Full PDB file with SEQRES, HELIX, SHEET, SSBOND, CRYST1, ORIGX, SCALE, CONECT and MASTER records, all heavy atoms in Angstrom:
SEQRES   1 A   38  TYR ASP PRO GLN THR ARG ILE PHE GLN THR ASP ARG TYR          
SEQRES   2 A   38  LEU LEU ARG GLN SER ALA MET GLN GLU ALA ARG THR ALA          
SEQRES   3 A   38  ARG GLY GLU TYR SER PRO PRO ALA CYS GLY VAL GLY              
HELIX    1 AA1 GLN A   17  ARG A   27  1                                  11    
CRYST1    1.000    1.000    1.000  90.00  90.00  90.00 P 1           1          
ORIGX1      1.000000  0.000000  0.000000        0.00000                         
ORIGX2      0.000000  1.000000  0.000000        0.00000                         
ORIGX3      0.000000  0.000000  1.000000        0.00000                         
SCALE1      1.000000  0.000000  0.000000        0.00000                         
SCALE2      0.000000  1.000000  0.000000        0.00000                         
SCALE3      0.000000  0.000000  1.000000        0.00000                         
ATOM      1  N   TYR A   1       6.488   6.645  -6.499  1.00  0.00           N  
ATOM      2  CA  TYR A   1       7.743   7.255  -6.944  1.00  0.00           C  
ATOM      3  C   TYR A   1       7.746   7.356  -8.464  1.00  0.00           C  
ATOM      4  O   TYR A   1       7.364   6.405  -9.161  1.00  0.00           O  
ATOM      5  CB  TYR A   1       8.954   6.434  -6.478  1.00  0.00           C  
ATOM      6  CG  TYR A   1      10.279   7.003  -6.957  1.00  0.00           C  
ATOM      7  CD1 TYR A   1      10.697   8.259  -6.542  1.00  0.00           C  
ATOM      8  CD2 TYR A   1      11.096   6.289  -7.833  1.00  0.00           C  
ATOM      9  CE1 TYR A   1      11.902   8.802  -6.982  1.00  0.00           C  
ATOM     10  CE2 TYR A   1      12.295   6.819  -8.273  1.00  0.00           C  
ATOM     11  CZ  TYR A   1      12.694   8.075  -7.848  1.00  0.00           C  
ATOM     12  OH  TYR A   1      13.873   8.613  -8.295  1.00  0.00           O  
ATOM     13  N   ASP A   2       8.159   8.518  -8.965  1.00  0.00           N  
ATOM     14  CA  ASP A   2       8.258   8.757 -10.406  1.00  0.00           C  
ATOM     15  C   ASP A   2       9.732   8.921 -10.760  1.00  0.00           C  
ATOM     16  O   ASP A   2      10.337   9.950 -10.443  1.00  0.00           O  
ATOM     17  CB  ASP A   2       7.482  10.021 -10.782  1.00  0.00           C  
ATOM     18  CG  ASP A   2       7.476  10.259 -12.286  1.00  0.00           C  
ATOM     19  OD1 ASP A   2       8.161   9.514 -13.013  1.00  0.00           O  
ATOM     20  OD2 ASP A   2       6.791  11.198 -12.747  1.00  0.00           O  
ATOM     21  N   PRO A   3      10.354   7.911 -11.397  1.00  0.00           N  
ATOM     22  CA  PRO A   3      11.776   8.019 -11.730  1.00  0.00           C  
ATOM     23  C   PRO A   3      12.074   9.153 -12.709  1.00  0.00           C  
ATOM     24  O   PRO A   3      13.198   9.667 -12.723  1.00  0.00           O  
ATOM     25  CB  PRO A   3      12.105   6.650 -12.353  1.00  0.00           C  
ATOM     26  CG  PRO A   3      11.008   5.739 -11.899  1.00  0.00           C  
ATOM     27  CD  PRO A   3       9.795   6.598 -11.774  1.00  0.00           C  
ATOM     28  N   GLN A   4      11.092   9.532 -13.542  1.00  0.00           N  
ATOM     29  CA  GLN A   4      11.344  10.584 -14.523  1.00  0.00           C  
ATOM     30  C   GLN A   4      11.552  11.938 -13.858  1.00  0.00           C  
ATOM     31  O   GLN A   4      12.426  12.701 -14.229  1.00  0.00           O  
ATOM     32  CB  GLN A   4      10.167  10.658 -15.512  1.00  0.00           C  
ATOM     33  CG  GLN A   4       9.954   9.400 -16.324  1.00  0.00           C  
ATOM     34  CD  GLN A   4      11.127   9.106 -17.253  1.00  0.00           C  
ATOM     35  OE1 GLN A   4      11.729  10.019 -17.801  1.00  0.00           O  
ATOM     36  NE2 GLN A   4      11.455   7.831 -17.419  1.00  0.00           N  
ATOM     37  N   THR A   5      10.719  12.242 -12.874  1.00  0.00           N  
ATOM     38  CA  THR A   5      10.808  13.540 -12.192  1.00  0.00           C  
ATOM     39  C   THR A   5      11.515  13.450 -10.847  1.00  0.00           C  
ATOM     40  O   THR A   5      11.775  14.479 -10.225  1.00  0.00           O  
ATOM     41  CB  THR A   5       9.402  14.110 -11.966  1.00  0.00           C  
ATOM     42  OG1 THR A   5       8.644  13.195 -11.143  1.00  0.00           O  
ATOM     43  CG2 THR A   5       8.674  14.297 -13.293  1.00  0.00           C  
ATOM     44  N   ARG A   6      11.776  12.207 -10.399  1.00  0.00           N  
ATOM     45  CA  ARG A   6      12.359  11.969  -9.072  1.00  0.00           C  
ATOM     46  C   ARG A   6      11.517  12.612  -7.975  1.00  0.00           C  
ATOM     47  O   ARG A   6      12.026  13.262  -7.069  1.00  0.00           O  
ATOM     48  CB  ARG A   6      13.797  12.476  -9.018  1.00  0.00           C  
ATOM     49  CG  ARG A   6      14.769  11.571  -9.774  1.00  0.00           C  
ATOM     50  CD  ARG A   6      16.198  12.000  -9.564  1.00  0.00           C  
ATOM     51  NE  ARG A   6      17.117  11.022 -10.164  1.00  0.00           N  
ATOM     52  CZ  ARG A   6      18.436  11.168 -10.207  1.00  0.00           C  
ATOM     53  NH1 ARG A   6      18.980  12.236  -9.676  1.00  0.00           N  
ATOM     54  NH2 ARG A   6      19.196  10.252 -10.764  1.00  0.00           N  
ATOM     55  N   ILE A   7      10.220  12.397  -8.064  1.00  0.00           N  
ATOM     56  CA  ILE A   7       9.275  12.854  -7.048  1.00  0.00           C  
ATOM     57  C   ILE A   7       8.777  11.632  -6.279  1.00  0.00           C  
ATOM     58  O   ILE A   7       8.244  10.685  -6.869  1.00  0.00           O  
ATOM     59  CB  ILE A   7       8.094  13.604  -7.674  1.00  0.00           C  
ATOM     60  CG1 ILE A   7       8.572  14.900  -8.321  1.00  0.00           C  
ATOM     61  CG2 ILE A   7       7.041  13.906  -6.615  1.00  0.00           C  
ATOM     62  CD1 ILE A   7       9.143  15.911  -7.350  1.00  0.00           C  
ATOM     63  N   PHE A   8       8.967  11.665  -4.958  1.00  0.00           N  
ATOM     64  CA  PHE A   8       8.449  10.625  -4.062  1.00  0.00           C  
ATOM     65  C   PHE A   8       7.273  11.213  -3.297  1.00  0.00           C  
ATOM     66  O   PHE A   8       7.364  12.330  -2.771  1.00  0.00           O  
ATOM     67  CB  PHE A   8       9.543  10.165  -3.096  1.00  0.00           C  
ATOM     68  CG  PHE A   8       9.093   9.116  -2.123  1.00  0.00           C  
ATOM     69  CD1 PHE A   8       8.889   7.816  -2.523  1.00  0.00           C  
ATOM     70  CD2 PHE A   8       8.871   9.436  -0.784  1.00  0.00           C  
ATOM     71  CE1 PHE A   8       8.476   6.850  -1.619  1.00  0.00           C  
ATOM     72  CE2 PHE A   8       8.468   8.485   0.127  1.00  0.00           C  
ATOM     73  CZ  PHE A   8       8.268   7.179  -0.295  1.00  0.00           C  
ATOM     74  N   GLN A   9       6.160  10.491  -3.241  1.00  0.00           N  
ATOM     75  CA  GLN A   9       4.941  11.037  -2.634  1.00  0.00           C  
ATOM     76  C   GLN A   9       4.304  10.008  -1.714  1.00  0.00           C  
ATOM     77  O   GLN A   9       4.266   8.813  -2.019  1.00  0.00           O  
ATOM     78  CB  GLN A   9       3.950  11.442  -3.735  1.00  0.00           C  
ATOM     79  CG  GLN A   9       2.621  11.969  -3.225  1.00  0.00           C  
ATOM     80  CD  GLN A   9       1.747  12.482  -4.352  1.00  0.00           C  
ATOM     81  OE1 GLN A   9       2.168  13.288  -5.181  1.00  0.00           O  
ATOM     82  NE2 GLN A   9       0.497  12.023  -4.400  1.00  0.00           N  
ATOM     83  N   THR A  10       3.814  10.482  -0.576  1.00  0.00           N  
ATOM     84  CA  THR A  10       3.078   9.640   0.368  1.00  0.00           C  
ATOM     85  C   THR A  10       1.723  10.253   0.620  1.00  0.00           C  
ATOM     86  O   THR A  10       1.626  11.402   1.060  1.00  0.00           O  
ATOM     87  CB  THR A  10       3.831   9.508   1.705  1.00  0.00           C  
ATOM     88  OG1 THR A  10       5.088   8.874   1.495  1.00  0.00           O  
ATOM     89  CG2 THR A  10       3.032   8.674   2.692  1.00  0.00           C  
ATOM     90  N   ASP A  11       0.659   9.510   0.311  1.00  0.00           N  
ATOM     91  CA  ASP A  11      -0.709   9.897   0.648  1.00  0.00           C  
ATOM     92  C   ASP A  11      -1.143   9.084   1.858  1.00  0.00           C  
ATOM     93  O   ASP A  11      -1.077   7.846   1.840  1.00  0.00           O  
ATOM     94  CB  ASP A  11      -1.666   9.643  -0.512  1.00  0.00           C  
ATOM     95  CG  ASP A  11      -1.523  10.670  -1.627  1.00  0.00           C  
ATOM     96  OD1 ASP A  11      -0.812  11.662  -1.411  1.00  0.00           O  
ATOM     97  OD2 ASP A  11      -2.121  10.479  -2.696  1.00  0.00           O  
ATOM     98  N   ARG A  12      -1.577   9.778   2.913  1.00  0.00           N  
ATOM     99  CA  ARG A  12      -1.962   9.111   4.161  1.00  0.00           C  
ATOM    100  C   ARG A  12      -3.464   9.265   4.384  1.00  0.00           C  
ATOM    101  O   ARG A  12      -4.013  10.375   4.294  1.00  0.00           O  
ATOM    102  CB  ARG A  12      -1.197   9.699   5.349  1.00  0.00           C  
ATOM    103  CG  ARG A  12       0.221   9.186   5.451  1.00  0.00           C  
ATOM    104  CD  ARG A  12       1.021   9.930   6.511  1.00  0.00           C  
ATOM    105  NE  ARG A  12       0.343  10.019   7.792  1.00  0.00           N  
ATOM    106  CZ  ARG A  12       0.381   9.104   8.742  1.00  0.00           C  
ATOM    107  NH1 ARG A  12       1.060   7.994   8.554  1.00  0.00           N  
ATOM    108  NH2 ARG A  12      -0.243   9.292   9.886  1.00  0.00           N  
ATOM    109  N   TYR A  13      -4.116   8.143   4.685  1.00  0.00           N  
ATOM    110  CA  TYR A  13      -5.544   8.114   4.954  1.00  0.00           C  
ATOM    111  C   TYR A  13      -5.747   7.725   6.419  1.00  0.00           C  
ATOM    112  O   TYR A  13      -5.398   6.601   6.823  1.00  0.00           O  
ATOM    113  CB  TYR A  13      -6.248   7.101   4.046  1.00  0.00           C  
ATOM    114  CG  TYR A  13      -6.102   7.394   2.572  1.00  0.00           C  
ATOM    115  CD1 TYR A  13      -4.946   7.021   1.878  1.00  0.00           C  
ATOM    116  CD2 TYR A  13      -7.105   8.054   1.868  1.00  0.00           C  
ATOM    117  CE1 TYR A  13      -4.806   7.286   0.527  1.00  0.00           C  
ATOM    118  CE2 TYR A  13      -6.970   8.325   0.510  1.00  0.00           C  
ATOM    119  CZ  TYR A  13      -5.822   7.938  -0.147  1.00  0.00           C  
ATOM    120  OH  TYR A  13      -5.683   8.211  -1.492  1.00  0.00           O  
ATOM    121  N   LEU A  14      -6.266   8.656   7.224  1.00  0.00           N  
ATOM    122  CA  LEU A  14      -6.481   8.412   8.650  1.00  0.00           C  
ATOM    123  C   LEU A  14      -7.893   7.867   8.821  1.00  0.00           C  
ATOM    124  O   LEU A  14      -8.880   8.594   8.671  1.00  0.00           O  
ATOM    125  CB  LEU A  14      -6.288   9.713   9.431  1.00  0.00           C  
ATOM    126  CG  LEU A  14      -4.989  10.472   9.135  1.00  0.00           C  
ATOM    127  CD1 LEU A  14      -4.896  11.735   9.966  1.00  0.00           C  
ATOM    128  CD2 LEU A  14      -3.768   9.579   9.375  1.00  0.00           C  
ATOM    129  N   LEU A  15      -8.003   6.586   9.137  1.00  0.00           N  
ATOM    130  CA  LEU A  15      -9.284   5.876   9.103  1.00  0.00           C  
ATOM    131  C   LEU A  15      -9.789   5.559  10.501  1.00  0.00           C  
ATOM    132  O   LEU A  15      -9.017   5.396  11.448  1.00  0.00           O  
ATOM    133  CB  LEU A  15      -9.134   4.574   8.311  1.00  0.00           C  
ATOM    134  CG  LEU A  15      -8.565   4.704   6.887  1.00  0.00           C  
ATOM    135  CD1 LEU A  15      -8.469   3.331   6.245  1.00  0.00           C  
ATOM    136  CD2 LEU A  15      -9.405   5.634   6.034  1.00  0.00           C  
ATOM    137  N   ARG A  16     -11.105   5.437  10.589  1.00  0.00           N  
ATOM    138  CA  ARG A  16     -11.715   4.940  11.811  1.00  0.00           C  
ATOM    139  C   ARG A  16     -11.467   3.439  11.912  1.00  0.00           C  
ATOM    140  O   ARG A  16     -11.060   2.791  10.933  1.00  0.00           O  
ATOM    141  CB  ARG A  16     -13.216   5.246  11.834  1.00  0.00           C  
ATOM    142  CG  ARG A  16     -13.509   6.746  11.817  1.00  0.00           C  
ATOM    143  CD  ARG A  16     -14.991   7.011  12.018  1.00  0.00           C  
ATOM    144  NE  ARG A  16     -15.416   6.627  13.363  1.00  0.00           N  
ATOM    145  CZ  ARG A  16     -15.313   7.407  14.428  1.00  0.00           C  
ATOM    146  NH1 ARG A  16     -14.791   8.617  14.317  1.00  0.00           N  
ATOM    147  NH2 ARG A  16     -15.724   6.995  15.614  1.00  0.00           N  
ATOM    148  N   GLN A  17     -11.739   2.871  13.096  1.00  0.00           N  
ATOM    149  CA  GLN A  17     -11.379   1.473  13.341  1.00  0.00           C  
ATOM    150  C   GLN A  17     -12.062   0.523  12.375  1.00  0.00           C  
ATOM    151  O   GLN A  17     -11.443  -0.438  11.891  1.00  0.00           O  
ATOM    152  CB  GLN A  17     -11.719   1.094  14.783  1.00  0.00           C  
ATOM    153  CG  GLN A  17     -10.774   1.676  15.815  1.00  0.00           C  
ATOM    154  CD  GLN A  17     -11.008   1.101  17.201  1.00  0.00           C  
ATOM    155  OE1 GLN A  17     -11.753   0.146  17.378  1.00  0.00           O  
ATOM    156  NE2 GLN A  17     -10.361   1.700  18.195  1.00  0.00           N  
ATOM    157  N   SER A  18     -13.337   0.759  12.064  1.00  0.00           N  
ATOM    158  CA  SER A  18     -14.058  -0.161  11.173  1.00  0.00           C  
ATOM    159  C   SER A  18     -13.450  -0.134   9.767  1.00  0.00           C  
ATOM    160  O   SER A  18     -13.228  -1.185   9.151  1.00  0.00           O  
ATOM    161  CB  SER A  18     -15.537   0.221  11.111  1.00  0.00           C  
ATOM    162  OG  SER A  18     -15.690   1.578  10.703  1.00  0.00           O  
ATOM    163  N   ALA A  19     -13.165   1.068   9.250  1.00  0.00           N  
ATOM    164  CA  ALA A  19     -12.557   1.179   7.917  1.00  0.00           C  
ATOM    165  C   ALA A  19     -11.146   0.614   7.918  1.00  0.00           C  
ATOM    166  O   ALA A  19     -10.711  -0.018   6.942  1.00  0.00           O  
ATOM    167  CB  ALA A  19     -12.560   2.634   7.460  1.00  0.00           C  
ATOM    168  N   MET A  20     -10.432   0.815   9.021  1.00  0.00           N  
ATOM    169  CA  MET A  20      -9.076   0.295   9.109  1.00  0.00           C  
ATOM    170  C   MET A  20      -9.078  -1.229   9.127  1.00  0.00           C  
ATOM    171  O   MET A  20      -8.220  -1.872   8.513  1.00  0.00           O  
ATOM    172  CB  MET A  20      -8.399   0.846  10.358  1.00  0.00           C  
ATOM    173  CG  MET A  20      -6.890   0.673  10.379  1.00  0.00           C  
ATOM    174  SD  MET A  20      -6.093   1.682   9.118  1.00  0.00           S  
ATOM    175  CE  MET A  20      -4.556   0.774   8.909  1.00  0.00           C  
ATOM    176  N   GLN A  21     -10.055  -1.803   9.795  1.00  0.00           N  
ATOM    177  CA  GLN A  21     -10.145  -3.260   9.844  1.00  0.00           C  
ATOM    178  C   GLN A  21     -10.443  -3.836   8.463  1.00  0.00           C  
ATOM    179  O   GLN A  21      -9.897  -4.879   8.075  1.00  0.00           O  
ATOM    180  CB  GLN A  21     -11.228  -3.697  10.849  1.00  0.00           C  
ATOM    181  CG  GLN A  21     -11.263  -5.194  11.096  1.00  0.00           C  
ATOM    182  CD  GLN A  21      -9.921  -5.737  11.558  1.00  0.00           C  
ATOM    183  OE1 GLN A  21      -9.285  -5.193  12.451  1.00  0.00           O  
ATOM    184  NE2 GLN A  21      -9.462  -6.810  10.920  1.00  0.00           N  
ATOM    185  N   GLU A  22     -11.291  -3.152   7.697  1.00  0.00           N  
ATOM    186  CA  GLU A  22     -11.565  -3.604   6.329  1.00  0.00           C  
ATOM    187  C   GLU A  22     -10.296  -3.562   5.484  1.00  0.00           C  
ATOM    188  O   GLU A  22     -10.027  -4.481   4.698  1.00  0.00           O  
ATOM    189  CB  GLU A  22     -12.647  -2.724   5.690  1.00  0.00           C  
ATOM    190  CG  GLU A  22     -14.036  -2.922   6.260  1.00  0.00           C  
ATOM    191  CD  GLU A  22     -15.055  -2.065   5.536  1.00  0.00           C  
ATOM    192  OE1 GLU A  22     -14.718  -1.515   4.468  1.00  0.00           O  
ATOM    193  OE2 GLU A  22     -16.185  -1.945   6.025  1.00  0.00           O  
ATOM    194  N   ALA A  23      -9.524  -2.496   5.643  1.00  0.00           N  
ATOM    195  CA  ALA A  23      -8.277  -2.387   4.883  1.00  0.00           C  
ATOM    196  C   ALA A  23      -7.300  -3.487   5.285  1.00  0.00           C  
ATOM    197  O   ALA A  23      -6.622  -4.069   4.426  1.00  0.00           O  
ATOM    198  CB  ALA A  23      -7.657  -1.007   5.100  1.00  0.00           C  
ATOM    199  N   ARG A  24      -7.221  -3.784   6.591  1.00  0.00           N  
ATOM    200  CA  ARG A  24      -6.308  -4.842   7.037  1.00  0.00           C  
ATOM    201  C   ARG A  24      -6.756  -6.206   6.514  1.00  0.00           C  
ATOM    202  O   ARG A  24      -5.929  -7.047   6.153  1.00  0.00           O  
ATOM    203  CB  ARG A  24      -6.236  -4.849   8.558  1.00  0.00           C  
ATOM    204  CG  ARG A  24      -5.439  -3.660   9.128  1.00  0.00           C  
ATOM    205  CD  ARG A  24      -5.483  -3.614  10.630  1.00  0.00           C  
ATOM    206  NE  ARG A  24      -4.695  -2.503  11.153  1.00  0.00           N  
ATOM    207  CZ  ARG A  24      -5.042  -1.769  12.194  1.00  0.00           C  
ATOM    208  NH1 ARG A  24      -6.167  -2.045  12.850  1.00  0.00           N  
ATOM    209  NH2 ARG A  24      -4.280  -0.765  12.598  1.00  0.00           N  
ATOM    210  N   THR A  25      -8.056  -6.423   6.465  1.00  0.00           N  
ATOM    211  CA  THR A  25      -8.568  -7.699   5.942  1.00  0.00           C  
ATOM    212  C   THR A  25      -8.217  -7.847   4.465  1.00  0.00           C  
ATOM    213  O   THR A  25      -7.765  -8.905   4.016  1.00  0.00           O  
ATOM    214  CB  THR A  25     -10.090  -7.780   6.133  1.00  0.00           C  
ATOM    215  OG1 THR A  25     -10.395  -7.691   7.535  1.00  0.00           O  
ATOM    216  CG2 THR A  25     -10.637  -9.088   5.581  1.00  0.00           C  
ATOM    217  N   ALA A  26      -8.424  -6.767   3.699  1.00  0.00           N  
ATOM    218  CA  ALA A  26      -8.093  -6.810   2.269  1.00  0.00           C  
ATOM    219  C   ALA A  26      -6.595  -6.996   2.065  1.00  0.00           C  
ATOM    220  O   ALA A  26      -6.166  -7.725   1.162  1.00  0.00           O  
ATOM    221  CB  ALA A  26      -8.572  -5.528   1.582  1.00  0.00           C  
ATOM    222  N   ARG A  27      -5.788  -6.372   2.908  1.00  0.00           N  
ATOM    223  CA  ARG A  27      -4.340  -6.526   2.787  1.00  0.00           C  
ATOM    224  C   ARG A  27      -3.901  -7.946   3.145  1.00  0.00           C  
ATOM    225  O   ARG A  27      -2.934  -8.480   2.583  1.00  0.00           O  
ATOM    226  CB  ARG A  27      -3.643  -5.510   3.698  1.00  0.00           C  
ATOM    227  CG  ARG A  27      -2.145  -5.665   3.834  1.00  0.00           C  
ATOM    228  CD  ARG A  27      -1.442  -5.521   2.499  1.00  0.00           C  
ATOM    229  NE  ARG A  27      -0.007  -5.710   2.643  1.00  0.00           N  
ATOM    230  CZ  ARG A  27       0.586  -6.894   2.689  1.00  0.00           C  
ATOM    231  NH1 ARG A  27      -0.150  -8.005   2.579  1.00  0.00           N  
ATOM    232  NH2 ARG A  27       1.892  -6.983   2.819  1.00  0.00           N  
ATOM    233  N   GLY A  28      -4.608  -8.569   4.067  1.00  0.00           N  
ATOM    234  CA  GLY A  28      -4.238  -9.917   4.476  1.00  0.00           C  
ATOM    235  C   GLY A  28      -4.561 -10.971   3.433  1.00  0.00           C  
ATOM    236  O   GLY A  28      -4.132 -12.123   3.565  1.00  0.00           O  
ATOM    237  N   GLU A  29      -5.289 -10.595   2.388  1.00  0.00           N  
ATOM    238  CA  GLU A  29      -5.669 -11.571   1.360  1.00  0.00           C  
ATOM    239  C   GLU A  29      -4.581 -11.802   0.320  1.00  0.00           C  
ATOM    240  O   GLU A  29      -4.734 -12.647  -0.560  1.00  0.00           O  
ATOM    241  CB  GLU A  29      -6.956 -11.104   0.671  1.00  0.00           C  
ATOM    242  CG  GLU A  29      -8.175 -11.113   1.588  1.00  0.00           C  
ATOM    243  CD  GLU A  29      -9.412 -10.551   0.914  1.00  0.00           C  
ATOM    244  OE1 GLU A  29      -9.291 -10.117  -0.259  1.00  0.00           O  
ATOM    245  OE2 GLU A  29     -10.494 -10.565   1.536  1.00  0.00           O  
ATOM    246  N   TYR A  30      -3.494 -11.051   0.366  1.00  0.00           N  
ATOM    247  CA  TYR A  30      -2.430 -11.269  -0.620  1.00  0.00           C  
ATOM    248  C   TYR A  30      -1.064 -11.114   0.031  1.00  0.00           C  
ATOM    249  O   TYR A  30      -0.920 -10.461   1.060  1.00  0.00           O  
ATOM    250  CB  TYR A  30      -2.564 -10.309  -1.802  1.00  0.00           C  
ATOM    251  CG  TYR A  30      -2.283  -8.855  -1.483  1.00  0.00           C  
ATOM    252  CD1 TYR A  30      -0.995  -8.326  -1.549  1.00  0.00           C  
ATOM    253  CD2 TYR A  30      -3.328  -7.995  -1.131  1.00  0.00           C  
ATOM    254  CE1 TYR A  30      -0.746  -6.995  -1.276  1.00  0.00           C  
ATOM    255  CE2 TYR A  30      -3.085  -6.658  -0.851  1.00  0.00           C  
ATOM    256  CZ  TYR A  30      -1.793  -6.165  -0.933  1.00  0.00           C  
ATOM    257  OH  TYR A  30      -1.543  -4.847  -0.654  1.00  0.00           O  
ATOM    258  N   SER A  31      -0.091 -11.762  -0.593  1.00  0.00           N  
ATOM    259  CA  SER A  31       1.306 -11.639  -0.170  1.00  0.00           C  
ATOM    260  C   SER A  31       2.073 -10.963  -1.295  1.00  0.00           C  
ATOM    261  O   SER A  31       2.112 -11.474  -2.419  1.00  0.00           O  
ATOM    262  CB  SER A  31       1.911 -13.019   0.107  1.00  0.00           C  
ATOM    263  OG  SER A  31       1.257 -13.644   1.200  1.00  0.00           O  
ATOM    264  N   PRO A  32       2.664  -9.812  -1.045  1.00  0.00           N  
ATOM    265  CA  PRO A  32       3.373  -9.107  -2.112  1.00  0.00           C  
ATOM    266  C   PRO A  32       4.523  -9.951  -2.648  1.00  0.00           C  
ATOM    267  O   PRO A  32       5.241 -10.606  -1.884  1.00  0.00           O  
ATOM    268  CB  PRO A  32       3.894  -7.841  -1.422  1.00  0.00           C  
ATOM    269  CG  PRO A  32       3.044  -7.684  -0.203  1.00  0.00           C  
ATOM    270  CD  PRO A  32       2.686  -9.061   0.228  1.00  0.00           C  
ATOM    271  N   PRO A  33       4.731  -9.967  -3.959  1.00  0.00           N  
ATOM    272  CA  PRO A  33       5.861 -10.724  -4.527  1.00  0.00           C  
ATOM    273  C   PRO A  33       7.193 -10.098  -4.121  1.00  0.00           C  
ATOM    274  O   PRO A  33       7.298  -8.889  -3.906  1.00  0.00           O  
ATOM    275  CB  PRO A  33       5.631 -10.628  -6.035  1.00  0.00           C  
ATOM    276  CG  PRO A  33       4.796  -9.396  -6.208  1.00  0.00           C  
ATOM    277  CD  PRO A  33       3.938  -9.292  -4.992  1.00  0.00           C  
ATOM    278  N   ALA A  34       8.199 -10.934  -4.023  1.00  0.00           N  
ATOM    279  CA  ALA A  34       9.534 -10.448  -3.665  1.00  0.00           C  
ATOM    280  C   ALA A  34      10.203  -9.822  -4.871  1.00  0.00           C  
ATOM    281  O   ALA A  34       9.815 -10.044  -6.021  1.00  0.00           O  
ATOM    282  CB  ALA A  34      10.370 -11.604  -3.129  1.00  0.00           C  
ATOM    283  N   CYS A  35      11.204  -9.019  -4.614  1.00  0.00           N  
ATOM    284  CA  CYS A  35      11.979  -8.423  -5.693  1.00  0.00           C  
ATOM    285  C   CYS A  35      12.609  -9.524  -6.545  1.00  0.00           C  
ATOM    286  O   CYS A  35      13.078 -10.544  -6.020  1.00  0.00           O  
ATOM    287  CB  CYS A  35      13.070  -7.517  -5.137  1.00  0.00           C  
ATOM    288  SG  CYS A  35      12.464  -6.009  -4.357  1.00  0.00           S  
ATOM    289  N   GLY A  36      12.620  -9.326  -7.849  1.00  0.00           N  
ATOM    290  CA  GLY A  36      13.240 -10.284  -8.745  1.00  0.00           C  
ATOM    291  C   GLY A  36      12.303 -11.341  -9.285  1.00  0.00           C  
ATOM    292  O   GLY A  36      12.647 -12.040 -10.240  1.00  0.00           O  
ATOM    293  N   VAL A  37      11.105 -11.470  -8.712  1.00  0.00           N  
ATOM    294  CA  VAL A  37      10.132 -12.440  -9.214  1.00  0.00           C  
ATOM    295  C   VAL A  37       9.598 -11.939 -10.550  1.00  0.00           C  
ATOM    296  O   VAL A  37       9.320 -10.735 -10.721  1.00  0.00           O  
ATOM    297  CB  VAL A  37       8.991 -12.635  -8.199  1.00  0.00           C  
ATOM    298  CG1 VAL A  37       7.919 -13.547  -8.773  1.00  0.00           C  
ATOM    299  CG2 VAL A  37       9.544 -13.206  -6.911  1.00  0.00           C  
ATOM    300  N   GLY A  38       9.415 -12.844 -11.492  1.00  0.00           N  
ATOM    301  CA  GLY A  38       8.940 -12.464 -12.803  1.00  0.00           C  
ATOM    302  C   GLY A  38       7.580 -11.777 -12.761  1.00  0.00           C  
ATOM    303  O   GLY A  38       6.654 -12.243 -12.098  1.00  0.00           O  
TER     304      GLY A  38                                                      
MASTER        0    0    0    1    0    0    0    6  303    1    0    3          
END                                                                             
């Protein structure tokens, strides 16, 4: 999202199972911080 232009964009990547599993593994390695955290 770009607050200056107010453009919201979604890029979608349709992956095969092996690539999707790699992405899920990488995503599982971190926990996104909550709003308001420094």
